[in-house]
Amino acid sequence: MPVLTSLEPLRVVEGGRLWLHGDGFPQPESSADIVTIGGVPARIAFSAPDRLAVVVPPGLDGGDTPVKVAWIPGATLYARVGGLLATGLHQVDNPVFGPDGALYVTYSGTRGQEARVSIFRISSTGAREPFVHGLVNPTSMAFGPDGRLYVSSRFEGRVYRVFDDGQYEVMASDLGVACGLAFGPDGGLYVGDRAGTIFRIDPKGGTRTFASVPSSVAAFHLAMGPDGALYVSAPTLASYDSVRRIDQSGKVETLDVPFGRPQGLAFDASGVLHVVEALAGSSGVYALRPGSPRELVVAGGTLVGLAFGPRGQLVVASNESVYTFPADVAAGFSRTSVA
């Protein structure tokens, strides 16, 4: 008799692969209507006697959502589906939370494209408003010690400082294909050039080369760790890449955890590093806890970035949309009901 025991991961957004674990699963003759999520059929992507992978369908409401299998009508497991916060965007890196609790997202556009709105601001109530206009290819964002938003332009090789009214000024230039941004504990701003140079800009505007890493085919993503080290991810032409840790002297260390097309990365409030893996068809967010294997905590179709909010909420971004999970959902969230 088939048995359904658990789901992995417990947080998902549309297009992600949700794994159902159990025993005695029969080989399905088709993928139609065998598994439903929130009452909506989910296509089966993989099948074995002890597990199934299904693709999360679009259009689901956010929140705890029942997952049912036709073979086991008396059992229900619940997945947490991310609530759609905004769409019609173009993210190439993490969204960022500001000191006001609002979320800032981009419409980055194709190379050289000047979109009507470059950056949107989403309030804590979910209202979206245009914030910055006319900035070409906004790529990565970070808030500085001064409470201002800083934005890189990969097209212009610049970093801009944005004021409260959405106006901006050049903070630094001649930075190559400027991508990832992260502030250090001393107020220095680190900028990742896609060619492989990590620049450091001091609070007075002086720029120097901080470290060198292999070049990227897409973008650089930076995060400052609680240990004062800079963490860098960037996809190359290799099948797998690793996150790099750069200490304050500029020494580069490669973490022994492989990722297929690593993208955005961020630390949660407890200091755990989270990395987006952007493999086609199976992208997700992984938590890297010391001494433990990497753990898949969110599955999505085409994820590129993430951010942790001031109230502990988690936001994940695809190229076009941003989804939110409330703070009360831990990685170990689970609930099973048997009728």
Protein backbone atom coordinates (compact mmCIF):
# COMPACT_ATOMS: atom_id res chain seq x y z
CA MET A 1 0.00 0.00 0.00
CA PRO A 2 1.49 3.41 -0.94
CA VAL A 3 2.63 5.63 1.93
CA LEU A 4 3.27 9.38 1.79
CA THR A 5 5.68 10.60 4.46
CA SER A 6 7.21 14.01 3.70
CA LEU A 7 7.78 16.89 1.30
CA GLU A 8 11.01 18.59 0.24
CA PRO A 9 11.46 21.51 0.30
CA LEU A 10 8.58 22.87 2.32
CA ARG A 11 8.70 26.31 0.68
CA VAL A 12 7.99 26.58 -3.04
CA VAL A 13 7.01 29.03 -5.76
CA GLU A 14 5.59 28.37 -9.20
CA GLY A 15 7.81 26.37 -11.51
CA GLY A 16 9.75 24.80 -8.64
CA ARG A 17 10.17 21.07 -8.15
CA LEU A 18 8.45 19.70 -5.06
CA TRP A 19 9.64 16.26 -3.96
CA LEU A 20 7.18 13.84 -2.35
CA HIS A 21 8.78 11.08 -0.30
CA GLY A 22 7.22 7.80 0.79
CA ASP A 23 7.10 4.16 -0.17
CA GLY A 24 5.27 1.85 -2.53
CA PHE A 25 4.50 4.47 -5.17
CA PRO A 26 3.20 2.73 -8.34
CA GLN A 27 4.65 3.73 -11.69
CA PRO A 28 2.23 6.31 -13.10
CA GLU A 29 0.90 5.73 -16.60
CA SER A 30 0.48 9.48 -17.03
CA SER A 31 1.11 12.64 -15.05
CA ALA A 32 -2.47 13.89 -15.18
CA ASP A 33 -4.32 14.55 -11.90
CA ILE A 34 -2.18 12.19 -9.82
CA VAL A 35 -0.76 14.95 -7.60
CA THR A 36 -2.61 18.16 -6.83
CA ILE A 37 -1.35 21.24 -5.01
CA GLY A 38 -4.13 23.42 -3.71
CA GLY A 39 -6.51 21.40 -5.86
CA VAL A 40 -4.55 22.17 -9.04
CA PRO A 41 -2.93 19.26 -10.93
CA ALA A 42 0.88 19.29 -10.80
CA ARG A 43 2.92 17.73 -13.62
CA ILE A 44 5.13 14.82 -12.58
CA ALA A 45 8.75 15.42 -13.56
CA PHE A 46 10.28 12.31 -11.95
CA SER A 47 8.91 9.07 -10.54
CA ALA A 48 10.38 6.26 -8.42
CA PRO A 49 8.84 3.85 -5.88
CA ASP A 50 10.00 6.01 -2.96
CA ARG A 51 9.70 9.55 -4.36
CA LEU A 52 8.04 11.79 -6.91
CA ALA A 53 9.03 15.21 -8.20
CA VAL A 54 6.21 17.48 -9.35
CA VAL A 55 6.32 20.96 -10.86
CA VAL A 56 4.47 23.59 -8.83
CA PRO A 57 1.72 25.07 -11.05
CA PRO A 58 1.23 28.84 -11.47
CA GLY A 59 -1.60 30.85 -10.00
CA LEU A 60 -1.66 29.34 -6.50
CA ASP A 61 -2.54 31.47 -3.52
CA GLY A 62 0.26 31.94 -1.03
CA GLY A 63 0.30 30.19 2.33
CA ASP A 64 -0.08 26.66 3.65
CA THR A 65 -1.34 24.64 0.69
CA PRO A 66 -2.55 21.02 0.70
CA VAL A 67 -0.68 18.46 -1.39
CA LYS A 68 -2.62 15.29 -2.26
CA VAL A 69 -1.79 12.10 -4.15
CA ALA A 70 -4.57 10.16 -5.89
CA TRP A 71 -3.18 6.82 -4.71
CA ILE A 72 -3.41 7.89 -1.06
CA PRO A 73 -6.71 9.79 -0.69
CA GLY A 74 -6.59 9.80 3.11
CA ALA A 75 -3.25 11.62 3.44
CA THR A 76 -2.57 15.35 3.07
CA LEU A 77 0.73 17.14 3.41
CA TYR A 78 1.09 20.92 3.39
CA ALA A 79 3.62 22.99 1.48
CA ARG A 80 4.14 26.70 2.02
CA VAL A 81 3.60 28.50 -1.29
CA GLY A 82 5.24 31.91 -1.63
CA GLY A 83 2.83 34.79 -2.00
CA LEU A 84 3.24 36.79 -5.21
CA LEU A 85 4.38 40.27 -4.16
CA ALA A 86 5.11 41.87 -7.54
CA THR A 87 5.55 40.91 -11.18
CA GLY A 88 6.47 42.64 -14.43
CA LEU A 89 10.01 43.21 -13.17
CA HIS A 90 13.49 42.35 -14.41
CA GLN A 91 15.76 41.23 -11.57
CA VAL A 92 19.33 40.10 -12.17
CA ASP A 93 20.39 40.09 -8.51
CA ASN A 94 18.85 40.34 -5.05
CA PRO A 95 16.05 42.70 -4.18
CA VAL A 96 16.90 44.69 -1.03
CA PHE A 97 15.04 45.86 2.06
CA GLY A 98 15.52 49.47 3.09
CA PRO A 99 15.68 50.99 6.58
CA ASP A 100 12.01 51.90 6.15
CA GLY A 101 11.07 48.22 5.74
CA ALA A 102 10.18 48.71 2.07
CA LEU A 103 11.47 46.31 -0.58
CA TYR A 104 13.35 47.71 -3.58
CA VAL A 105 13.25 45.85 -6.91
CA THR A 106 14.56 46.60 -10.39
CA TYR A 107 13.59 46.64 -14.00
CA SER A 108 17.10 46.07 -15.30
CA GLY A 109 16.30 45.55 -18.99
CA THR A 110 18.47 44.41 -21.88
CA ARG A 111 21.91 45.90 -22.42
CA GLY A 112 21.66 49.66 -22.93
CA GLN A 113 17.90 49.74 -22.37
CA GLU A 114 16.57 52.74 -20.46
CA ALA A 115 13.34 51.50 -18.94
CA ARG A 116 10.56 53.92 -17.98
CA VAL A 117 11.03 52.92 -14.33
CA SER A 118 14.42 51.63 -13.22
CA ILE A 119 13.64 50.83 -9.56
CA PHE A 120 10.33 50.26 -7.79
CA ARG A 121 9.65 50.53 -4.08
CA ILE A 122 7.20 48.09 -2.48
CA SER A 123 5.87 49.24 0.88
CA SER A 124 5.33 46.98 3.88
CA THR A 125 1.62 46.92 2.91
CA GLY A 126 2.46 45.58 -0.58
CA ALA A 127 1.82 48.81 -2.50
CA ARG A 128 4.24 49.30 -5.39
CA GLU A 129 5.37 52.72 -6.60
CA PRO A 130 7.98 53.96 -9.09
CA PHE A 131 11.10 55.22 -7.30
CA VAL A 132 13.98 55.76 -9.76
CA HIS A 133 13.69 56.74 -13.43
CA GLY A 134 16.28 56.84 -16.20
CA LEU A 135 19.03 54.72 -14.68
CA VAL A 136 20.34 52.38 -17.40
CA ASN A 137 20.59 48.68 -16.49
CA PRO A 138 20.31 48.87 -12.69
CA THR A 139 21.97 45.63 -11.66
CA SER A 140 22.73 45.22 -7.95
CA MET A 141 21.60 47.23 -4.93
CA ALA A 142 22.78 47.75 -1.36
CA PHE A 143 21.94 50.18 1.42
CA GLY A 144 24.89 52.01 2.92
CA PRO A 145 25.64 53.11 6.49
CA ASP A 146 24.19 56.50 5.54
CA GLY A 147 20.79 54.90 4.85
CA ARG A 148 21.05 55.65 1.12
CA LEU A 149 20.44 53.15 -1.66
CA TYR A 150 23.45 52.38 -3.87
CA VAL A 151 22.93 50.86 -7.32
CA SER A 152 25.37 49.51 -9.91
CA SER A 153 24.93 49.88 -13.67
CA ARG A 154 26.58 47.08 -15.61
CA PHE A 155 26.21 49.09 -18.83
CA GLU A 156 27.91 52.25 -17.58
CA GLY A 157 30.38 50.69 -15.13
CA ARG A 158 29.18 53.00 -12.41
CA VAL A 159 27.73 52.96 -8.93
CA TYR A 160 25.04 55.53 -8.13
CA ARG A 161 23.93 56.97 -4.81
CA VAL A 162 20.15 57.38 -4.66
CA PHE A 163 18.42 60.00 -2.51
CA ASP A 164 15.06 59.76 -0.76
CA ASP A 165 13.25 61.48 -3.65
CA GLY A 166 14.60 59.01 -6.24
CA GLN A 167 17.19 61.40 -7.65
CA TYR A 168 20.73 60.05 -7.90
CA GLU A 169 24.37 60.97 -8.40
CA VAL A 170 27.50 59.11 -9.52
CA MET A 171 29.37 57.68 -6.54
CA ALA A 172 32.09 55.84 -8.53
CA SER A 173 32.86 55.04 -12.18
CA ASP A 174 35.26 53.05 -14.39
CA LEU A 175 34.29 49.82 -12.65
CA GLY A 176 34.10 47.54 -15.69
CA VAL A 177 30.86 45.57 -15.94
CA ALA A 178 29.78 46.58 -12.45
CA CYS A 179 27.50 44.03 -10.83
CA GLY A 180 27.35 42.85 -7.20
CA LEU A 181 27.49 45.31 -4.29
CA ALA A 182 28.12 44.84 -0.57
CA PHE A 183 29.14 47.17 2.24
CA GLY A 184 31.82 46.17 4.71
CA PRO A 185 31.72 46.80 8.48
CA ASP A 186 33.98 49.85 8.07
CA GLY A 187 31.71 51.46 5.47
CA GLY A 188 33.75 50.44 2.44
CA LEU A 189 31.73 49.45 -0.63
CA TYR A 190 32.74 46.34 -2.59
CA VAL A 191 31.85 46.09 -6.28
CA GLY A 192 32.14 42.99 -8.47
CA ASP A 193 33.29 43.54 -12.07
CA ARG A 194 32.15 40.67 -14.28
CA ALA A 195 35.68 40.42 -15.67
CA GLY A 196 36.81 39.12 -12.27
CA THR A 197 37.98 42.19 -10.36
CA ILE A 198 36.56 43.00 -6.94
CA PHE A 199 36.89 46.73 -6.25
CA ARG A 200 36.78 48.41 -2.87
CA ILE A 201 35.56 52.00 -2.64
CA ASP A 202 36.40 53.72 0.63
CA PRO A 203 33.94 56.13 2.32
CA LYS A 204 35.77 59.08 0.75
CA GLY A 205 35.38 57.67 -2.78
CA GLY A 206 38.87 56.24 -3.31
CA THR A 207 38.82 53.08 -5.45
CA ARG A 208 41.31 50.22 -5.47
CA THR A 209 41.46 46.59 -6.58
CA PHE A 210 40.67 44.39 -3.58
CA ALA A 211 40.83 40.86 -5.06
CA SER A 212 40.67 38.93 -8.32
CA VAL A 213 38.54 35.87 -9.10
CA PRO A 214 37.60 34.06 -12.33
CA SER A 215 35.44 36.04 -14.74
CA SER A 216 31.73 35.33 -15.09
CA VAL A 217 29.48 34.68 -18.08
CA ALA A 218 26.56 36.41 -16.38
CA ALA A 219 26.97 38.52 -13.24
CA PHE A 220 28.73 38.80 -9.92
CA HIS A 221 26.83 38.57 -6.63
CA LEU A 222 28.30 39.74 -3.31
CA ALA A 223 27.32 39.42 0.35
CA MET A 224 29.18 40.56 3.46
CA GLY A 225 29.32 37.83 6.09
CA PRO A 226 28.99 38.24 9.86
CA ASP A 227 32.65 37.17 10.03
CA GLY A 228 33.68 40.32 8.14
CA ALA A 229 34.57 38.36 5.00
CA LEU A 230 33.14 38.99 1.55
CA TYR A 231 31.31 36.12 -0.15
CA VAL A 232 31.14 35.99 -3.95
CA SER A 233 29.17 33.87 -6.39
CA ALA A 234 29.35 33.99 -10.18
CA PRO A 235 28.48 31.44 -12.87
CA THR A 236 31.21 30.47 -15.34
CA LEU A 237 31.27 28.05 -18.27
CA ALA A 238 32.05 25.17 -15.90
CA SER A 239 29.36 22.62 -15.04
CA TYR A 240 29.60 23.61 -11.39
CA ASP A 241 31.01 26.60 -9.55
CA SER A 242 31.72 27.33 -5.89
CA VAL A 243 31.13 30.31 -3.66
CA ARG A 244 34.31 32.15 -2.74
CA ARG A 245 35.19 33.73 0.59
CA ILE A 246 37.55 36.71 0.60
CA ASP A 247 38.99 37.87 3.92
CA GLN A 248 39.83 41.48 4.71
CA SER A 249 43.39 41.04 3.41
CA GLY A 250 42.03 40.04 -0.02
CA LYS A 251 42.92 36.34 0.33
CA VAL A 252 40.51 34.20 -1.71
CA GLU A 253 39.24 30.85 -0.41
CA THR A 254 36.95 28.51 -2.36
CA LEU A 255 34.16 26.87 -0.36
CA ASP A 256 33.90 23.13 -0.96
CA VAL A 257 30.23 23.18 -1.97
CA PRO A 258 29.40 22.94 -5.71
CA PHE A 259 26.55 24.86 -7.32
CA GLY A 260 25.18 24.85 -10.86
CA ARG A 261 25.01 28.52 -11.92
CA PRO A 262 25.14 30.15 -8.47
CA GLN A 263 23.43 33.54 -8.33
CA GLY A 264 22.23 35.77 -5.47
CA LEU A 265 23.38 35.09 -1.93
CA ALA A 266 22.45 36.52 1.48
CA PHE A 267 22.83 35.84 5.19
CA ASP A 268 19.83 35.41 7.48
CA ALA A 269 19.57 36.93 10.96
CA SER A 270 21.32 33.92 12.52
CA GLY A 271 24.30 34.24 10.16
CA VAL A 272 23.47 31.30 7.87
CA LEU A 273 24.52 31.81 4.24
CA HIS A 274 21.83 31.18 1.61
CA VAL A 275 22.70 30.74 -2.08
CA VAL A 276 20.48 30.68 -5.16
CA GLU A 277 21.27 27.89 -7.61
CA ALA A 278 19.83 28.75 -11.02
CA LEU A 279 19.95 25.42 -12.84
CA ALA A 280 17.31 25.38 -15.58
CA GLY A 281 14.20 23.58 -14.41
CA SER A 282 15.35 22.99 -10.84
CA SER A 283 16.52 26.27 -9.34
CA GLY A 284 16.30 26.81 -5.62
CA VAL A 285 17.65 28.48 -2.50
CA TYR A 286 20.12 26.46 -0.41
CA ALA A 287 21.17 27.04 3.18
CA LEU A 288 24.84 26.39 4.05
CA ARG A 289 25.09 25.51 7.73
CA PRO A 290 28.58 24.78 9.10
CA GLY A 291 29.27 21.06 9.29
CA SER A 292 26.10 20.09 7.40
CA PRO A 293 25.34 19.29 3.74
CA ARG A 294 23.70 22.08 1.80
CA GLU A 295 19.93 22.13 2.40
CA LEU A 296 17.29 23.03 -0.18
CA VAL A 297 14.91 25.45 1.56
CA VAL A 298 12.99 26.99 -1.38
CA ALA A 299 12.29 25.59 -4.86
CA GLY A 300 11.39 27.82 -7.80
CA GLY A 301 11.43 27.82 -11.57
CA THR A 302 13.95 30.55 -12.45
CA LEU A 303 15.15 32.11 -9.20
CA VAL A 304 17.98 34.66 -9.27
CA GLY A 305 17.98 36.40 -5.88
CA LEU A 306 16.74 36.59 -2.30
CA ALA A 307 16.57 38.91 0.68
CA PHE A 308 15.75 38.65 4.38
CA GLY A 309 13.52 41.35 5.81
CA PRO A 310 13.63 43.23 9.12
CA ARG A 311 10.81 41.10 10.53
CA GLY A 312 12.49 37.85 9.49
CA GLN A 313 10.48 37.43 6.30
CA LEU A 314 12.12 35.82 3.27
CA VAL A 315 11.72 37.19 -0.25
CA VAL A 316 12.84 35.30 -3.36
CA ALA A 317 13.03 36.72 -6.86
CA SER A 318 12.82 35.24 -10.32
CA ASN A 319 13.73 37.31 -13.36
CA GLU A 320 10.17 38.64 -13.54
CA SER A 321 8.52 38.26 -10.14
CA VAL A 322 9.08 38.54 -6.40
CA TYR A 323 7.52 36.19 -3.82
CA THR A 324 7.36 36.44 -0.05
CA PHE A 325 7.32 33.99 2.85
CA PRO A 326 6.42 35.19 6.38
CA ALA A 327 8.85 34.97 9.25
CA ASP A 328 6.94 32.25 11.10
CA VAL A 329 8.00 29.62 8.57
CA ALA A 330 11.21 27.85 9.59
CA ALA A 331 13.11 25.51 7.32
CA GLY A 332 11.69 22.58 9.27
CA PHE A 333 8.03 23.57 8.85
CA SER A 334 5.83 20.52 8.28
CA ARG A 335 2.34 19.32 8.82
CA THR A 336 0.70 16.04 7.87
CA SER A 337 -2.97 15.13 8.17
CA VAL A 338 -4.43 11.67 7.70
CA ALA A 339 -8.19 11.41 7.38
